[in-house]
Amino acid sequence: MAVLAEVLRYPSFPEHELERLRAERRADLAQLRAEPRGLSDVFFSRLLFDPSSRFARLAGGDERSIERLSRDEVVKYHDTFYRPDATALMMVGDIDVETAVRIASTHLGDWAGKAPPVTEPPAAQRHAEPRVHLVHKSEAPQSEVRVGHVAIPRFHPDYFPVVVMNAILGGLFSSRLNLNLREQHAYTYGAHSAFDWRRAASPFEISTAVETAVTADALREIVVEFTRIREEPVSDAELSLAISYLVGVFPIRFETTAEVAGGLANVEIFRLPSNYFDTYRERVSAVTAQDVLRVARTHLDPARLQVVVVGDADAIREPIGALGLGPITVYDPLDDDGVV
């Protein structure tokens, strides 16, 4: 704890360490540009959120921002925001409350200062209408596919039925998306959907990788399943399987002390009620088929659906265009503005 407190309160930020991290980030970015999967995730965030939102930018910085970043800026950021009133300390292990408080008081008790109020970043969607974005990788044998839109924040009252709905749509191996694209059509080794939960609006994303020749076919089936879950109630078997899975894996999420600490951190970060974990299984189990249909109709919006595909645009543009999913823009991943 003494070491943690010293690092937290009195970091030195040596220049050679900043340069080492810059070099690592440059290497990471070079690898990211060469890998279709990573590239698709970057472009999905960039094209999903309005350019004014930090969610549209790489959290770790790009080539230009890491070169501009100075040690003075790092020190200023730390001195401004690393303050006790903006910090939560989690201790998990063979330790009682009295001991934990004593240790924290010994090492952090005289820590003073107040952080400025932090507002939630803007999370508006970049395009209000459906669009298709093709990131061109010449002669790519596969296409990385991302489909989605900006959705609800983590603390939304519909969180639990949305979690169950997503499990049925694409959160399980036996989900509708995976059964359709993998088992029925053999387009992919796996198709998945998820909400990337945030305090501000969270992105909803369907992801898969398919051969170039079946890219448009796979997109068509994704839209079929996206539409179907909004139009008809899920079956009793689907609902039961999803709830059983979510309830069953819940304890596994807390097998290690690190996982318990992470769970407590989420309660703090997302401002969840203190009994959140105590009531989790009960609230998941209470979700009905009508709840699933209601939240699918409310929170899955085909009128704002964005499609991002990293692949050979020359081969896939015409068949994707025939699906009528929206205007198509082609991007060059190496250009600053990306647009070809």
Protein backbone atom coordinates (compact mmCIF):
# COMPACT_ATOMS: atom_id res chain seq x y z
CA MET A 1 0.00 0.00 0.00
CA ALA A 2 2.91 2.34 0.70
CA VAL A 3 4.20 1.88 -2.85
CA LEU A 4 0.72 2.37 -4.34
CA ALA A 5 0.22 5.57 -2.37
CA GLU A 6 3.60 6.95 -3.47
CA VAL A 7 2.94 6.17 -7.13
CA LEU A 8 -0.56 7.61 -6.93
CA ARG A 9 0.41 10.83 -5.20
CA TYR A 10 3.97 11.55 -6.30
CA PRO A 11 4.63 10.13 -9.77
CA SER A 12 7.75 11.49 -11.47
CA PHE A 13 6.80 10.87 -15.12
CA PRO A 14 10.40 10.64 -16.40
CA GLU A 15 10.84 11.75 -19.99
CA HIS A 16 12.48 8.48 -21.04
CA GLU A 17 9.41 6.55 -19.86
CA LEU A 18 7.14 8.78 -21.90
CA GLU A 19 9.30 8.18 -24.96
CA ARG A 20 9.22 4.43 -24.33
CA LEU A 21 5.42 4.53 -24.20
CA ARG A 22 5.32 6.61 -27.38
CA ALA A 23 7.41 3.99 -29.17
CA GLU A 24 5.15 1.20 -27.91
CA ARG A 25 2.09 3.11 -29.06
CA ARG A 26 3.58 3.68 -32.51
CA ALA A 27 4.15 -0.06 -32.83
CA ASP A 28 0.61 -0.77 -31.63
CA LEU A 29 -0.84 1.63 -34.20
CA ALA A 30 1.19 0.11 -37.01
CA GLN A 31 -0.09 -3.34 -36.08
CA LEU A 32 -3.63 -2.00 -35.76
CA ARG A 33 -3.59 -0.59 -39.30
CA ALA A 34 -2.37 -3.91 -40.67
CA GLU A 35 -4.99 -6.03 -38.89
CA PRO A 36 -8.54 -5.97 -40.33
CA ARG A 37 -10.14 -6.90 -37.02
CA GLY A 38 -8.57 -4.03 -35.10
CA LEU A 39 -9.10 -1.66 -37.99
CA SER A 40 -12.80 -2.46 -38.10
CA ASP A 41 -13.18 -1.68 -34.39
CA VAL A 42 -11.36 1.64 -34.79
CA PHE A 43 -13.43 2.70 -37.79
CA PHE A 44 -16.67 1.56 -36.16
CA SER A 45 -16.11 3.89 -33.18
CA ARG A 46 -14.82 6.68 -35.39
CA LEU A 47 -17.78 6.54 -37.76
CA LEU A 48 -20.41 5.76 -35.14
CA PHE A 49 -19.89 8.76 -32.87
CA ASP A 50 -19.97 12.43 -33.75
CA PRO A 51 -16.45 13.82 -34.32
CA SER A 52 -16.90 16.10 -31.28
CA SER A 53 -17.07 13.05 -28.99
CA ARG A 54 -13.92 11.57 -27.52
CA PHE A 55 -15.55 8.18 -28.12
CA ALA A 56 -14.83 8.74 -31.82
CA ARG A 57 -11.09 8.88 -31.11
CA LEU A 58 -8.59 6.26 -30.04
CA ALA A 59 -8.35 6.22 -26.25
CA GLY A 60 -4.61 5.56 -26.44
CA GLY A 61 -4.01 8.34 -28.95
CA ASP A 62 -3.02 8.37 -32.61
CA GLU A 63 0.31 9.19 -34.26
CA ARG A 64 -0.26 12.94 -34.14
CA SER A 65 -1.61 13.19 -30.60
CA ILE A 66 1.12 11.09 -28.99
CA GLU A 67 3.81 13.21 -30.65
CA ARG A 68 2.17 16.43 -29.42
CA LEU A 69 1.75 15.19 -25.86
CA SER A 70 4.32 16.73 -23.51
CA ARG A 71 5.45 15.77 -20.04
CA ASP A 72 4.08 19.08 -18.73
CA GLU A 73 0.61 18.15 -19.99
CA VAL A 74 0.80 14.75 -18.30
CA VAL A 75 1.85 16.34 -15.00
CA LYS A 76 -0.91 18.94 -15.25
CA TYR A 77 -3.54 16.27 -15.93
CA HIS A 78 -2.40 14.24 -12.93
CA ASP A 79 -2.32 17.25 -10.63
CA THR A 80 -5.81 18.29 -11.74
CA PHE A 81 -7.76 15.04 -11.74
CA TYR A 82 -5.95 12.60 -9.44
CA ARG A 83 -7.58 13.80 -6.24
CA PRO A 84 -9.09 11.97 -3.24
CA ASP A 85 -12.66 13.11 -3.87
CA ALA A 86 -12.50 11.51 -7.34
CA THR A 87 -10.90 8.26 -6.17
CA ALA A 88 -12.33 4.98 -4.87
CA LEU A 89 -10.12 2.43 -3.09
CA MET A 90 -11.05 -1.27 -3.24
CA MET A 91 -9.40 -3.85 -0.98
CA VAL A 92 -10.34 -7.51 -1.45
CA GLY A 93 -8.78 -10.38 0.47
CA ASP A 94 -8.23 -11.69 3.97
CA ILE A 95 -8.72 -8.28 5.55
CA ASP A 96 -11.42 -6.75 7.75
CA VAL A 97 -12.93 -3.30 7.46
CA GLU A 98 -11.08 -1.87 10.45
CA THR A 99 -7.70 -2.97 9.12
CA ALA A 100 -8.48 -1.68 5.63
CA VAL A 101 -9.50 1.73 6.98
CA ARG A 102 -6.37 1.92 9.15
CA ILE A 103 -4.08 1.09 6.22
CA ALA A 104 -5.82 3.57 3.95
CA SER A 105 -5.68 6.30 6.59
CA THR A 106 -1.98 5.68 7.23
CA HIS A 107 -0.98 6.09 3.61
CA LEU A 108 -3.69 8.33 2.17
CA GLY A 109 -5.18 10.09 5.19
CA ASP A 110 -3.40 13.39 4.56
CA TRP A 111 -4.04 13.35 0.82
CA ALA A 112 -5.76 16.64 0.03
CA GLY A 113 -7.18 18.47 -2.94
CA LYS A 114 -10.36 18.51 -4.94
CA ALA A 115 -10.88 17.52 -8.56
CA PRO A 116 -12.96 19.75 -10.85
CA PRO A 117 -16.40 18.47 -11.81
CA VAL A 118 -16.30 16.19 -14.83
CA THR A 119 -19.19 16.20 -17.29
CA GLU A 120 -20.10 13.19 -19.36
CA PRO A 121 -18.60 13.41 -22.86
CA PRO A 122 -20.99 13.96 -25.77
CA ALA A 123 -22.10 10.65 -27.24
CA ALA A 124 -24.28 11.67 -30.16
CA GLN A 125 -24.32 9.41 -33.20
CA ARG A 126 -22.47 10.81 -36.21
CA HIS A 127 -25.10 9.91 -38.81
CA ALA A 128 -28.81 9.98 -37.99
CA GLU A 129 -29.68 7.76 -40.97
CA PRO A 130 -28.48 4.29 -42.07
CA ARG A 131 -25.12 4.26 -43.81
CA VAL A 132 -22.57 1.78 -45.12
CA HIS A 133 -18.86 2.42 -44.62
CA LEU A 134 -16.34 0.29 -46.54
CA VAL A 135 -12.70 0.40 -45.44
CA HIS A 136 -10.76 -0.75 -48.47
CA LYS A 137 -8.16 -3.52 -48.09
CA SER A 138 -7.21 -4.53 -51.61
CA GLU A 139 -7.62 -8.24 -52.37
CA ALA A 140 -8.49 -9.05 -48.76
CA PRO A 141 -9.70 -12.68 -48.58
CA GLN A 142 -12.08 -11.87 -45.70
CA SER A 143 -14.33 -9.06 -44.57
CA GLU A 144 -14.53 -7.84 -40.98
CA VAL A 145 -18.12 -6.76 -40.39
CA ARG A 146 -19.49 -4.40 -37.73
CA VAL A 147 -23.15 -3.36 -37.55
CA GLY A 148 -24.76 -1.21 -34.89
CA HIS A 149 -25.66 2.18 -33.48
CA VAL A 150 -25.41 4.30 -30.34
CA ALA A 151 -27.71 2.89 -27.66
CA ILE A 152 -28.61 3.32 -23.98
CA PRO A 153 -26.30 4.15 -21.04
CA ARG A 154 -25.33 1.51 -18.48
CA PHE A 155 -27.64 2.77 -15.73
CA HIS A 156 -30.77 2.76 -17.93
CA PRO A 157 -33.79 1.13 -16.19
CA ASP A 158 -34.11 -1.34 -19.10
CA TYR A 159 -30.61 -2.72 -18.51
CA PHE A 160 -31.65 -6.21 -17.40
CA PRO A 161 -34.16 -6.98 -20.17
CA VAL A 162 -31.66 -5.55 -22.68
CA VAL A 163 -28.98 -7.93 -21.37
CA VAL A 164 -31.33 -10.90 -21.80
CA MET A 165 -32.40 -9.70 -25.24
CA ASN A 166 -28.79 -9.38 -26.36
CA ALA A 167 -27.95 -12.86 -25.06
CA ILE A 168 -30.68 -14.29 -27.29
CA LEU A 169 -29.71 -12.18 -30.30
CA GLY A 170 -25.94 -12.63 -30.25
CA GLY A 171 -24.52 -13.03 -26.75
CA LEU A 172 -24.45 -16.83 -26.57
CA PHE A 173 -22.97 -19.55 -28.75
CA SER A 174 -26.55 -20.72 -29.32
CA SER A 175 -27.73 -17.18 -30.15
CA ARG A 176 -29.82 -16.41 -33.20
CA LEU A 177 -26.98 -14.68 -35.02
CA ASN A 178 -24.54 -17.53 -34.45
CA LEU A 179 -27.04 -20.24 -35.33
CA ASN A 180 -27.95 -18.41 -38.52
CA LEU A 181 -24.54 -17.31 -39.81
CA ARG A 182 -22.43 -20.19 -38.48
CA GLU A 183 -24.63 -23.25 -38.15
CA GLN A 184 -27.22 -22.70 -40.88
CA HIS A 185 -25.22 -20.88 -43.56
CA ALA A 186 -21.57 -21.64 -42.64
CA TYR A 187 -20.60 -18.04 -43.39
CA THR A 188 -18.41 -17.62 -40.32
CA TYR A 189 -16.80 -19.29 -37.32
CA GLY A 190 -18.80 -17.00 -35.07
CA ALA A 191 -21.16 -14.01 -34.95
CA HIS A 192 -21.60 -11.94 -31.82
CA SER A 193 -23.53 -8.95 -30.50
CA ALA A 194 -22.80 -6.79 -27.47
CA PHE A 195 -23.39 -3.49 -25.73
CA ASP A 196 -20.14 -1.76 -24.77
CA TRP A 197 -21.56 -0.35 -21.56
CA ARG A 198 -20.68 3.23 -20.63
CA ARG A 199 -22.04 5.93 -18.36
CA ALA A 200 -22.91 7.92 -21.45
CA ALA A 201 -24.72 6.32 -24.37
CA SER A 202 -23.25 2.88 -25.11
CA PRO A 203 -22.52 1.47 -28.56
CA PHE A 204 -24.44 -1.62 -29.64
CA GLU A 205 -22.42 -3.74 -32.05
CA ILE A 206 -22.84 -6.92 -34.08
CA SER A 207 -19.51 -8.34 -35.21
CA THR A 208 -18.31 -11.18 -37.41
CA ALA A 209 -15.70 -12.09 -40.03
CA VAL A 210 -16.66 -13.77 -43.31
CA GLU A 211 -15.14 -14.65 -46.66
CA THR A 212 -15.27 -11.86 -49.22
CA ALA A 213 -17.64 -13.77 -51.50
CA VAL A 214 -20.37 -14.06 -48.85
CA THR A 215 -20.05 -10.60 -47.26
CA ALA A 216 -23.34 -9.29 -48.65
CA ASP A 217 -25.13 -12.55 -47.85
CA ALA A 218 -23.92 -12.39 -44.25
CA LEU A 219 -25.04 -8.78 -43.92
CA ARG A 220 -28.47 -9.72 -45.23
CA GLU A 221 -28.84 -12.40 -42.54
CA ILE A 222 -27.62 -10.02 -39.83
CA VAL A 223 -30.39 -7.61 -40.81
CA VAL A 224 -32.88 -10.51 -40.85
CA GLU A 225 -32.08 -11.37 -37.22
CA PHE A 226 -31.92 -7.72 -36.16
CA THR A 227 -35.40 -7.26 -37.60
CA ARG A 228 -36.85 -10.54 -36.34
CA ILE A 229 -36.09 -9.94 -32.68
CA ARG A 230 -37.97 -6.63 -32.95
CA GLU A 231 -41.03 -8.16 -34.59
CA GLU A 232 -41.88 -11.37 -32.73
CA PRO A 233 -41.61 -12.61 -29.14
CA VAL A 234 -38.71 -14.92 -28.36
CA SER A 235 -39.60 -18.52 -27.57
CA ASP A 236 -39.87 -19.88 -24.04
CA ALA A 237 -36.88 -22.11 -24.76
CA GLU A 238 -34.72 -19.17 -25.91
CA LEU A 239 -35.71 -17.10 -22.90
CA SER A 240 -35.08 -19.93 -20.44
CA LEU A 241 -31.68 -20.71 -21.95
CA ALA A 242 -30.55 -17.08 -21.86
CA ILE A 243 -31.66 -16.55 -18.26
CA SER A 244 -30.14 -19.84 -17.12
CA TYR A 245 -26.84 -18.93 -18.74
CA LEU A 246 -26.69 -15.41 -17.29
CA VAL A 247 -27.65 -16.61 -13.81
CA GLY A 248 -25.35 -19.62 -14.02
CA VAL A 249 -22.18 -17.78 -15.05
CA PHE A 250 -22.75 -14.96 -12.56
CA PRO A 251 -20.75 -16.56 -9.69
CA ILE A 252 -17.88 -17.40 -12.06
CA ARG A 253 -17.30 -13.69 -12.56
CA PHE A 254 -16.10 -13.43 -8.94
CA GLU A 255 -13.75 -16.39 -8.54
CA THR A 256 -10.62 -14.31 -7.88
CA THR A 257 -9.94 -11.32 -5.66
CA ALA A 258 -9.11 -9.27 -8.75
CA GLU A 259 -12.52 -10.08 -10.25
CA VAL A 260 -14.28 -9.09 -7.03
CA ALA A 261 -12.37 -5.80 -6.96
CA GLY A 262 -13.29 -5.22 -10.59
CA GLY A 263 -16.95 -5.79 -9.80
CA LEU A 264 -16.82 -3.28 -6.95
CA ALA A 265 -15.09 -0.81 -9.25
CA ASN A 266 -17.94 -1.15 -11.73
CA VAL A 267 -20.45 -0.32 -9.00
CA GLU A 268 -18.50 2.86 -8.32
CA ILE A 269 -17.83 3.80 -11.95
CA PHE A 270 -21.38 3.22 -13.16
CA ARG A 271 -23.00 4.55 -9.97
CA LEU A 272 -24.94 1.36 -9.37
CA PRO A 273 -26.93 0.71 -6.18
CA SER A 274 -25.04 -0.94 -3.33
CA ASN A 275 -27.26 -4.06 -3.55
CA TYR A 276 -26.69 -4.47 -7.30
CA PHE A 277 -24.92 -7.82 -7.06
CA ASP A 278 -27.33 -9.10 -4.39
CA THR A 279 -30.31 -8.58 -6.71
CA TYR A 280 -28.66 -9.39 -10.07
CA ARG A 281 -29.91 -12.97 -10.48
CA GLU A 282 -33.39 -12.09 -9.26
CA ARG A 283 -33.72 -9.23 -11.74
CA VAL A 284 -32.41 -11.29 -14.65
CA SER A 285 -34.82 -14.11 -13.81
CA ALA A 286 -37.76 -11.69 -13.77
CA VAL A 287 -37.36 -10.75 -17.44
CA THR A 288 -40.23 -11.96 -19.66
CA ALA A 289 -40.59 -12.52 -23.39
CA GLN A 290 -42.71 -9.38 -23.59
CA ASP A 291 -39.94 -7.44 -21.86
CA VAL A 292 -37.47 -8.67 -24.48
CA LEU A 293 -39.77 -7.67 -27.34
CA ARG A 294 -40.42 -4.26 -25.79
CA VAL A 295 -36.76 -3.36 -25.32
CA ALA A 296 -35.81 -4.72 -28.75
CA ARG A 297 -38.42 -2.47 -30.34
CA THR A 298 -37.41 0.47 -28.16
CA HIS A 299 -33.62 0.25 -28.16
CA LEU A 300 -32.69 -1.45 -31.45
CA ASP A 301 -33.22 1.13 -34.17
CA PRO A 302 -32.97 0.10 -37.85
CA ALA A 303 -33.37 3.75 -38.87
CA ARG A 304 -29.92 4.55 -37.42
CA LEU A 305 -28.06 1.34 -38.27
CA GLN A 306 -24.43 1.83 -39.30
CA VAL A 307 -22.52 -0.82 -41.26
CA VAL A 308 -18.71 -0.88 -41.26
CA VAL A 309 -16.88 -3.46 -43.36
CA VAL A 310 -13.11 -3.78 -43.68
CA GLY A 311 -12.41 -5.73 -46.86
CA ASP A 312 -11.94 -5.57 -50.60
CA ALA A 313 -14.29 -2.71 -51.51
CA ASP A 314 -13.90 -3.42 -55.21
CA ALA A 315 -15.38 -6.88 -54.71
CA ILE A 316 -18.07 -6.18 -52.13
CA ARG A 317 -19.39 -2.70 -52.93
CA GLU A 318 -21.89 -3.72 -55.61
CA PRO A 319 -23.47 -6.71 -53.80
CA ILE A 320 -23.69 -4.74 -50.56
CA GLY A 321 -25.25 -1.82 -52.42
CA ALA A 322 -27.96 -4.14 -53.72
CA LEU A 323 -29.10 -4.73 -50.12
CA GLY A 324 -30.28 -1.13 -49.81
CA LEU A 325 -28.73 -0.55 -46.39
CA GLY A 326 -27.93 3.10 -47.08
CA PRO A 327 -25.46 5.31 -48.94
CA ILE A 328 -21.99 3.77 -49.30
CA THR A 329 -18.72 5.57 -48.56
CA VAL A 330 -15.33 3.98 -49.20
CA TYR A 331 -12.39 4.80 -46.93
CA ASP A 332 -8.64 4.42 -47.25
CA PRO A 333 -7.26 3.42 -43.83
CA LEU A 334 -3.95 5.18 -44.55
CA ASP A 335 -5.40 8.61 -45.36
CA ASP A 336 -5.90 11.22 -42.63
CA ASP A 337 -9.55 11.77 -43.48
CA GLY A 338 -10.05 8.18 -44.59
CA VAL A 339 -12.34 8.95 -47.52
CA VAL A 340 -11.35 7.62 -50.95
